[in-house]
Amino acid sequence: MKKKKLEKKKRTTVRERDWEANHEQAFSHDLVRHRRALSKLSETARATANAALPADFTPNATLISHSKKWAFVQTDAAGDAEASDLICLIDERLHEGDESLLAPGDRVFIEFEEDDAFVRGVAPRRTTLSRPAGEHDRIRRQVIAANIDLIVVVAAAAQPPFRPGLVDRFLIAAEIGGVESVLCLNKADLTDGEPAELQIYRDLGMRVCVTSCMDGRGLAELREMLSGRFSVFAGHSGVGKSSLLNTLDPALRVHTQEVSNQTLRGRHTTTASRLYELAGNVRVIDTPGIRTLGLWRVTPAESAYYFPEFAEAVWDCKYRNCTHTHEPGCAVKLAVAGGRIKESRYASYCRVRASLESEDNITPGRVKPIEEKLL
């Protein structure tokens, strides 16, 4: 007896892409086919493909966010025409190379073919916030944000607790990328006082802003820092980056979640970096929360240069190539013992150096040893 064929139920509604309401899932994430063909071409064939792209161009749009195949951009105002948001295809002939092809904040060149818009060129980046790409990525450097003026390192006074180690890494990443940095301590309403480590950053000459989305403290100061500048919010998950954006401009309605009561860590709510334009001439890139931040092209020997309080002491070290970790006669360790260098900053330096000396750029103790994983 033949089985009766069941007819497929026809879709009665058309699925629309609503970028503003659900930008992180609005594009098709074609991870397999897009630009894979070009990656297998010979150098000659790839050069021929690139030759078909415009060599000299004037950027006419700013990248808001992107997927592997699509780009969401804001076109420049031209003449009587105002700036507008546009969904474009990324030209498959654009070669990714060793670093991210696109990042929020990139200045790009858009061309039209009939009713379709294509990203055909990416201008050189003025500044960046970046980190080493993952082990299985095709690129070596992941660019999180481009052409920014200011990195706002957002930390929480509580829930999750203040962790200066990640702040120190963001300060180094900011200096590598040529960007000014500001520390924003959010959720100040959850504690009676500030973390003791906060004064360390003030003593280093870093601007510190203490804020609360619940009682509004510090928000006017933060808005003043952001006004007229191109900024990026970065930090752990759950510190309130998206909540700050919503409070600064309630019309945004960026999705947020509560911190886990079990782990006291933030839940990953923002899954893709995205540029927002707020009222008052404020442009901010909101980034996904991270737990660790690898440093791009910093050698262990160079790590001490990113701790400015070491500068005076290093000249008095007994050995010229002193690592400031175990050598006798180390002036940096003597300065720590004498209170001239804070112990927490020295401990942070040791962790950064140890991670740079490891093959995976991971701070020892962050992951379980291989022996434990095999058990």
Protein backbone atom coordinates (compact mmCIF):
# COMPACT_ATOMS: atom_id res chain seq x y z
CA MET A 1 0.00 0.00 0.00
CA LYS A 2 1.46 3.34 -1.07
CA LYS A 3 1.80 5.99 1.56
CA LYS A 4 -0.11 9.14 0.88
CA LYS A 5 2.13 12.09 0.15
CA LEU A 6 1.67 14.89 2.60
CA GLU A 7 1.60 18.29 0.95
CA LYS A 8 3.84 20.91 2.45
CA LYS A 9 1.98 23.65 4.21
CA LYS A 10 2.39 26.89 2.30
CA ARG A 11 3.64 29.93 4.14
CA THR A 12 0.80 32.43 4.37
CA THR A 13 2.88 35.39 5.49
CA VAL A 14 6.04 36.95 4.15
CA ARG A 15 8.92 37.26 6.59
CA GLU A 16 10.15 40.84 6.55
CA ARG A 17 13.53 42.11 7.64
CA ASP A 18 13.05 44.77 10.25
CA TRP A 19 16.54 46.07 10.98
CA GLU A 20 15.62 48.66 13.57
CA ALA A 21 13.54 46.27 15.71
CA ASN A 22 15.78 43.21 15.45
CA HIS A 23 19.04 44.23 13.83
CA GLU A 24 21.15 41.34 15.14
CA GLN A 25 19.01 38.67 13.41
CA ALA A 26 17.73 40.73 10.48
CA PHE A 27 20.39 39.62 7.97
CA SER A 28 20.97 36.15 6.61
CA HIS A 29 24.19 34.82 8.15
CA ASP A 30 25.55 32.86 5.20
CA LEU A 31 28.71 31.56 6.87
CA VAL A 32 29.60 28.95 4.26
CA ARG A 33 29.25 30.34 0.78
CA HIS A 34 30.03 34.02 1.08
CA ARG A 35 33.55 34.89 -0.09
CA ARG A 36 34.71 31.27 0.35
CA ALA A 37 35.20 30.95 -3.42
CA LEU A 38 37.58 33.90 -3.47
CA SER A 39 39.62 32.48 -0.60
CA LYS A 40 40.45 29.46 -2.79
CA LEU A 41 41.50 31.47 -5.83
CA SER A 42 45.11 31.92 -6.88
CA GLU A 43 46.85 35.22 -6.19
CA THR A 44 46.59 36.13 -9.90
CA ALA A 45 42.86 35.45 -10.03
CA ARG A 46 42.33 37.35 -6.79
CA ALA A 47 44.30 40.33 -8.11
CA THR A 48 42.15 40.32 -11.26
CA ALA A 49 39.00 40.37 -9.12
CA ASN A 50 40.32 43.23 -6.98
CA ALA A 51 41.30 45.19 -10.11
CA ALA A 52 37.62 45.36 -11.03
CA LEU A 53 36.92 47.30 -7.82
CA PRO A 54 37.45 51.09 -7.67
CA ALA A 55 41.04 51.86 -6.66
CA ASP A 56 40.47 55.52 -5.82
CA PHE A 57 37.21 56.47 -4.18
CA THR A 58 35.70 58.96 -1.79
CA PRO A 59 33.79 57.27 1.06
CA ASN A 60 30.10 58.16 1.02
CA ALA A 61 28.70 56.18 3.99
CA THR A 62 29.48 54.97 7.52
CA LEU A 63 29.02 51.35 8.52
CA ILE A 64 26.47 50.84 11.32
CA SER A 65 26.66 47.05 11.52
CA HIS A 66 27.08 44.05 9.25
CA SER A 67 26.81 40.31 8.78
CA LYS A 68 28.93 38.14 6.49
CA LYS A 69 26.98 39.17 3.40
CA TRP A 70 25.04 42.32 4.23
CA ALA A 71 25.99 45.77 5.51
CA PHE A 72 23.77 48.32 7.19
CA VAL A 73 25.13 51.82 6.54
CA GLN A 74 24.27 55.47 6.97
CA THR A 75 24.85 57.42 3.79
CA ASP A 76 26.40 60.88 3.94
CA ALA A 77 24.22 63.93 3.49
CA ALA A 78 24.76 65.37 -0.01
CA GLY A 79 23.34 68.69 -1.17
CA ASP A 80 19.68 68.91 -0.20
CA ALA A 81 19.51 65.17 0.53
CA GLU A 82 19.68 64.16 4.20
CA ALA A 83 21.65 61.20 5.56
CA SER A 84 19.69 57.96 5.35
CA ASP A 85 20.03 54.34 6.49
CA LEU A 86 20.55 51.73 3.80
CA ILE A 87 20.96 47.95 3.54
CA CYS A 88 23.69 46.94 1.08
CA LEU A 89 25.29 43.79 -0.25
CA ILE A 90 29.01 43.41 0.43
CA ASP A 91 30.82 42.96 -2.87
CA GLU A 92 32.23 39.43 -2.87
CA ARG A 93 35.42 40.64 -4.55
CA LEU A 94 36.48 42.55 -1.44
CA HIS A 95 39.33 40.58 0.13
CA GLU A 96 39.34 40.22 3.93
CA GLY A 97 43.06 39.65 4.41
CA ASP A 98 44.52 39.27 7.92
CA GLU A 99 42.02 41.50 9.70
CA SER A 100 38.28 42.11 9.75
CA LEU A 101 37.04 43.40 6.42
CA LEU A 102 34.38 45.56 8.07
CA ALA A 103 33.74 46.98 11.53
CA PRO A 104 31.20 49.49 12.86
CA GLY A 105 32.51 52.99 12.23
CA ASP A 106 34.24 52.10 8.96
CA ARG A 107 34.01 54.67 6.19
CA VAL A 108 32.86 52.82 3.06
CA PHE A 109 32.13 53.49 -0.60
CA ILE A 110 28.65 52.57 -1.84
CA GLU A 111 27.73 52.04 -5.50
CA PHE A 112 24.29 51.36 -6.98
CA GLU A 113 23.33 48.87 -9.66
CA GLU A 114 19.72 49.57 -10.59
CA ASP A 115 17.86 49.18 -7.26
CA ASP A 116 20.65 47.33 -5.41
CA ALA A 117 23.40 48.97 -3.35
CA PHE A 118 26.85 47.43 -2.95
CA VAL A 119 29.79 48.12 -0.62
CA ARG A 120 32.68 48.41 -3.10
CA GLY A 121 35.43 49.96 -0.99
CA VAL A 122 36.62 50.40 2.61
CA ALA A 123 38.72 53.45 3.52
CA PRO A 124 41.88 53.09 5.70
CA ARG A 125 41.07 53.20 9.41
CA ARG A 126 42.14 56.20 11.46
CA THR A 127 41.87 54.44 14.84
CA THR A 128 40.73 51.00 16.03
CA LEU A 129 39.67 48.92 18.99
CA SER A 130 40.82 45.41 18.19
CA ARG A 131 42.03 42.10 19.59
CA PRO A 132 43.55 38.86 18.22
CA ALA A 133 40.99 36.73 16.40
CA GLY A 134 39.92 33.32 17.64
CA GLU A 135 41.93 30.18 17.04
CA HIS A 136 39.64 28.91 14.27
CA ASP A 137 39.02 32.25 12.53
CA ARG A 138 40.38 32.85 9.02
CA ILE A 139 41.63 36.30 10.07
CA ARG A 140 44.31 37.12 12.62
CA ARG A 141 42.99 40.45 13.96
CA GLN A 142 39.38 41.16 14.92
CA VAL A 143 38.51 44.84 14.64
CA ILE A 144 35.70 45.63 17.09
CA ALA A 145 35.25 49.32 16.17
CA ALA A 146 36.92 51.71 13.73
CA ASN A 147 37.57 55.46 13.41
CA ILE A 148 36.57 56.16 17.01
CA ASP A 149 37.70 59.10 19.15
CA LEU A 150 36.94 57.68 22.58
CA ILE A 151 36.75 54.28 24.30
CA VAL A 152 34.41 54.33 27.28
CA VAL A 153 35.43 51.37 29.46
CA VAL A 154 32.21 50.58 31.34
CA ALA A 155 32.57 48.72 34.64
CA ALA A 156 30.05 48.07 37.40
CA ALA A 157 30.34 49.00 41.06
CA ALA A 158 28.51 45.73 41.80
CA GLN A 159 26.59 42.97 39.99
CA PRO A 160 29.01 42.05 38.45
CA PRO A 161 31.81 43.17 40.79
CA PHE A 162 34.43 45.67 39.67
CA ARG A 163 37.36 43.88 37.97
CA PRO A 164 40.34 46.18 37.30
CA GLY A 165 42.21 43.55 35.26
CA LEU A 166 39.95 43.97 32.23
CA VAL A 167 40.04 47.75 32.62
CA ASP A 168 43.85 47.63 32.39
CA ARG A 169 43.67 45.55 29.21
CA PHE A 170 41.25 47.99 27.60
CA LEU A 171 43.62 50.85 28.46
CA ILE A 172 46.40 49.02 26.63
CA ALA A 173 44.12 48.23 23.66
CA ALA A 174 43.11 51.89 23.51
CA GLU A 175 46.72 53.04 23.41
CA ILE A 176 47.56 50.49 20.70
CA GLY A 177 44.62 51.73 18.62
CA GLY A 178 45.45 55.41 19.11
CA VAL A 179 42.26 56.18 21.03
CA GLU A 180 41.60 58.22 24.18
CA SER A 181 40.02 56.26 27.05
CA VAL A 182 37.53 57.07 29.81
CA LEU A 183 36.46 54.84 32.71
CA CYS A 184 32.75 54.81 33.49
CA LEU A 185 31.78 53.16 36.81
CA ASN A 186 28.11 52.30 36.39
CA LYS A 187 25.50 50.98 38.89
CA ALA A 188 26.78 53.35 41.58
CA ASP A 189 23.39 53.11 43.31
CA LEU A 190 24.16 49.51 44.34
CA THR A 191 27.02 50.43 46.70
CA ASP A 192 27.63 53.00 49.44
CA GLY A 193 31.13 53.89 48.24
CA GLU A 194 33.45 53.57 45.26
CA PRO A 195 35.87 50.65 44.78
CA ALA A 196 39.27 51.54 46.23
CA GLU A 197 40.94 50.81 42.86
CA LEU A 198 39.09 53.70 41.22
CA GLN A 199 41.49 56.26 42.71
CA ILE A 200 44.39 54.49 40.99
CA TYR A 201 43.02 55.45 37.59
CA ARG A 202 42.40 59.04 38.69
CA ASP A 203 46.01 59.22 39.85
CA LEU A 204 47.10 58.01 36.41
CA GLY A 205 45.32 61.01 34.89
CA MET A 206 42.44 59.01 33.43
CA ARG A 207 39.00 60.62 33.32
CA VAL A 208 36.53 58.75 35.54
CA CYS A 209 32.76 59.11 35.41
CA VAL A 210 30.52 57.53 38.08
CA THR A 211 26.99 56.86 36.82
CA SER A 212 23.69 55.27 37.73
CA CYS A 213 20.79 54.58 35.38
CA MET A 214 18.46 54.34 38.41
CA ASP A 215 19.02 57.73 40.07
CA GLY A 216 20.57 59.55 37.08
CA ARG A 217 23.86 60.52 38.72
CA GLY A 218 26.77 61.22 36.39
CA LEU A 219 24.69 60.97 33.20
CA ALA A 220 25.00 64.68 32.38
CA GLU A 221 28.79 64.42 32.78
CA LEU A 222 28.89 61.31 30.57
CA ARG A 223 26.77 62.99 27.89
CA GLU A 224 29.16 65.95 27.90
CA MET A 225 32.12 63.58 27.34
CA LEU A 226 30.32 61.89 24.42
CA SER A 227 28.91 65.00 22.74
CA GLY A 228 30.43 65.71 19.33
CA ARG A 229 32.66 62.64 19.49
CA PHE A 230 32.60 59.15 18.01
CA SER A 231 32.76 56.69 20.92
CA VAL A 232 32.58 52.98 21.74
CA PHE A 233 31.22 51.36 24.91
CA ALA A 234 33.25 48.30 25.97
CA GLY A 235 33.44 46.07 29.03
CA HIS A 236 32.13 42.94 30.75
CA SER A 237 28.63 41.57 30.10
CA GLY A 238 26.03 42.95 32.51
CA VAL A 239 27.81 46.20 33.45
CA GLY A 240 25.03 48.27 31.87
CA LYS A 241 26.39 49.45 28.51
CA SER A 242 23.04 49.08 26.74
CA SER A 243 21.16 50.45 29.76
CA LEU A 244 23.29 53.60 29.63
CA LEU A 245 22.35 54.06 25.97
CA ASN A 246 18.66 53.62 26.75
CA THR A 247 18.88 56.14 29.59
CA LEU A 248 20.75 58.68 27.48
CA ASP A 249 18.15 58.31 24.72
CA PRO A 250 14.98 56.36 25.68
CA ALA A 251 13.90 56.24 22.02
CA LEU A 252 16.59 53.61 21.32
CA ARG A 253 15.03 50.77 23.35
CA VAL A 254 18.15 48.57 23.21
CA HIS A 255 17.44 45.09 24.64
CA THR A 256 18.87 44.40 28.12
CA GLN A 257 18.91 41.53 30.67
CA GLU A 258 19.46 41.13 34.39
CA VAL A 259 22.72 39.75 35.82
CA SER A 260 22.63 36.05 36.74
CA ASN A 261 21.94 35.58 40.47
CA GLN A 262 23.95 32.34 40.53
CA THR A 263 27.20 33.41 38.85
CA LEU A 264 26.96 37.21 39.40
CA ARG A 265 28.02 37.53 35.77
CA GLY A 266 26.24 39.36 33.02
CA ARG A 267 24.28 37.52 30.36
CA HIS A 268 25.28 38.11 26.74
CA THR A 269 22.50 40.37 25.47
CA THR A 270 24.25 42.39 22.77
CA THR A 271 25.61 39.85 20.28
CA ALA A 272 26.92 42.17 17.57
CA SER A 273 28.63 45.57 17.62
CA ARG A 274 26.28 48.28 16.42
CA LEU A 275 26.54 52.05 15.92
CA TYR A 276 23.81 54.21 17.49
CA GLU A 277 23.15 57.90 16.91
CA LEU A 278 21.73 59.57 20.00
CA ALA A 279 20.16 62.96 20.53
CA GLY A 280 22.61 65.78 21.15
CA ASN A 281 25.20 64.88 18.49
CA VAL A 282 26.27 61.67 20.23
CA ARG A 283 27.42 58.61 18.26
CA VAL A 284 28.24 55.44 20.19
CA ILE A 285 29.13 51.89 19.14
CA ASP A 286 27.66 49.36 21.59
CA THR A 287 29.74 46.16 21.76
CA PRO A 288 29.05 42.67 23.15
CA GLY A 289 30.35 42.07 26.66
CA ILE A 290 33.55 40.07 26.95
CA ARG A 291 35.28 38.21 29.78
CA THR A 292 38.85 38.35 28.48
CA LEU A 293 40.60 40.66 26.04
CA GLY A 294 43.63 39.51 24.09
CA LEU A 295 46.14 42.19 23.11
CA TRP A 296 47.12 42.67 19.48
CA ARG A 297 50.84 42.56 18.71
CA VAL A 298 52.21 43.34 22.16
CA THR A 299 55.32 41.41 23.15
CA PRO A 300 56.01 40.43 26.78
CA ALA A 301 58.98 42.83 26.82
CA GLU A 302 56.74 45.72 25.68
CA SER A 303 54.04 45.13 28.29
CA ALA A 304 55.76 47.25 30.97
CA TYR A 305 55.61 50.33 28.70
CA TYR A 306 51.80 50.32 29.04
CA PHE A 307 52.03 50.79 32.82
CA PRO A 308 53.22 54.42 33.05
CA GLU A 309 53.86 54.28 36.82
CA PHE A 310 56.72 51.86 36.07
CA ALA A 311 58.57 54.41 33.91
CA GLU A 312 60.71 56.02 36.60
CA ALA A 313 61.62 52.80 38.40
CA VAL A 314 62.69 50.69 35.40
CA TRP A 315 65.88 52.72 34.90
CA ASP A 316 67.15 51.63 38.31
CA CYS A 317 66.69 47.89 37.74
CA LYS A 318 69.87 45.84 38.10
CA TYR A 319 69.38 44.08 34.75
CA ARG A 320 68.70 45.91 31.50
CA ASN A 321 66.30 43.21 30.28
CA CYS A 322 64.54 42.88 33.64
CA THR A 323 61.06 41.37 33.41
CA HIS A 324 60.09 42.83 36.82
CA THR A 325 58.78 39.45 37.95
CA HIS A 326 61.58 37.43 39.59
CA GLU A 327 64.95 39.17 39.16
CA PRO A 328 66.97 40.32 42.21
CA GLY A 329 67.58 44.05 42.38
CA CYS A 330 64.37 44.89 40.51
CA ALA A 331 63.50 48.55 41.17
CA VAL A 332 59.87 48.02 40.15
CA LYS A 333 59.37 45.36 42.84
CA LEU A 334 61.06 47.66 45.38
CA ALA A 335 58.65 50.45 44.36
CA VAL A 336 55.72 48.07 44.91
CA ALA A 337 57.06 47.12 48.35
CA GLY A 338 57.49 50.81 49.19
CA GLY A 339 53.95 51.69 48.12
CA ARG A 340 54.98 53.91 45.19
CA ILE A 341 53.36 51.44 42.76
CA LYS A 342 50.00 49.94 43.73
CA GLU A 343 50.03 46.18 44.31
CA SER A 344 46.88 45.68 42.23
CA ARG A 345 48.48 47.34 39.20
CA TYR A 346 51.64 45.29 39.59
CA ALA A 347 49.55 42.12 39.86
CA SER A 348 47.70 43.18 36.69
CA TYR A 349 51.03 43.66 34.91
CA CYS A 350 52.16 40.18 35.93
CA ARG A 351 48.93 38.65 34.59
CA VAL A 352 49.20 40.55 31.31
CA ARG A 353 52.82 39.51 30.84
CA ALA A 354 52.05 35.88 31.69
CA SER A 355 49.23 35.81 29.13
CA LEU A 356 51.49 37.29 26.45
CA GLU A 357 54.09 34.64 27.20
CA SER A 358 51.51 31.89 26.79
CA GLU A 359 50.74 30.50 23.34
CA ASP A 360 47.00 31.28 23.53
CA ASN A 361 47.29 34.83 24.94
CA ILE A 362 45.21 33.68 27.93
CA THR A 363 45.91 34.64 31.51
CA PRO A 364 46.99 31.55 33.50
CA GLY A 365 44.18 30.45 35.81
CA ARG A 366 41.43 31.58 33.43
CA VAL A 367 40.98 28.09 32.00
CA LYS A 368 41.32 24.60 33.43
CA PRO A 369 44.65 22.84 32.74
CA ILE A 370 44.63 20.28 29.95
CA GLU A 371 45.23 17.48 32.48
CA GLU A 372 41.97 18.33 34.26
CA LYS A 373 40.04 18.43 31.00
CA LEU A 374 41.18 14.90 30.15
CA LEU A 375 39.99 13.45 33.46
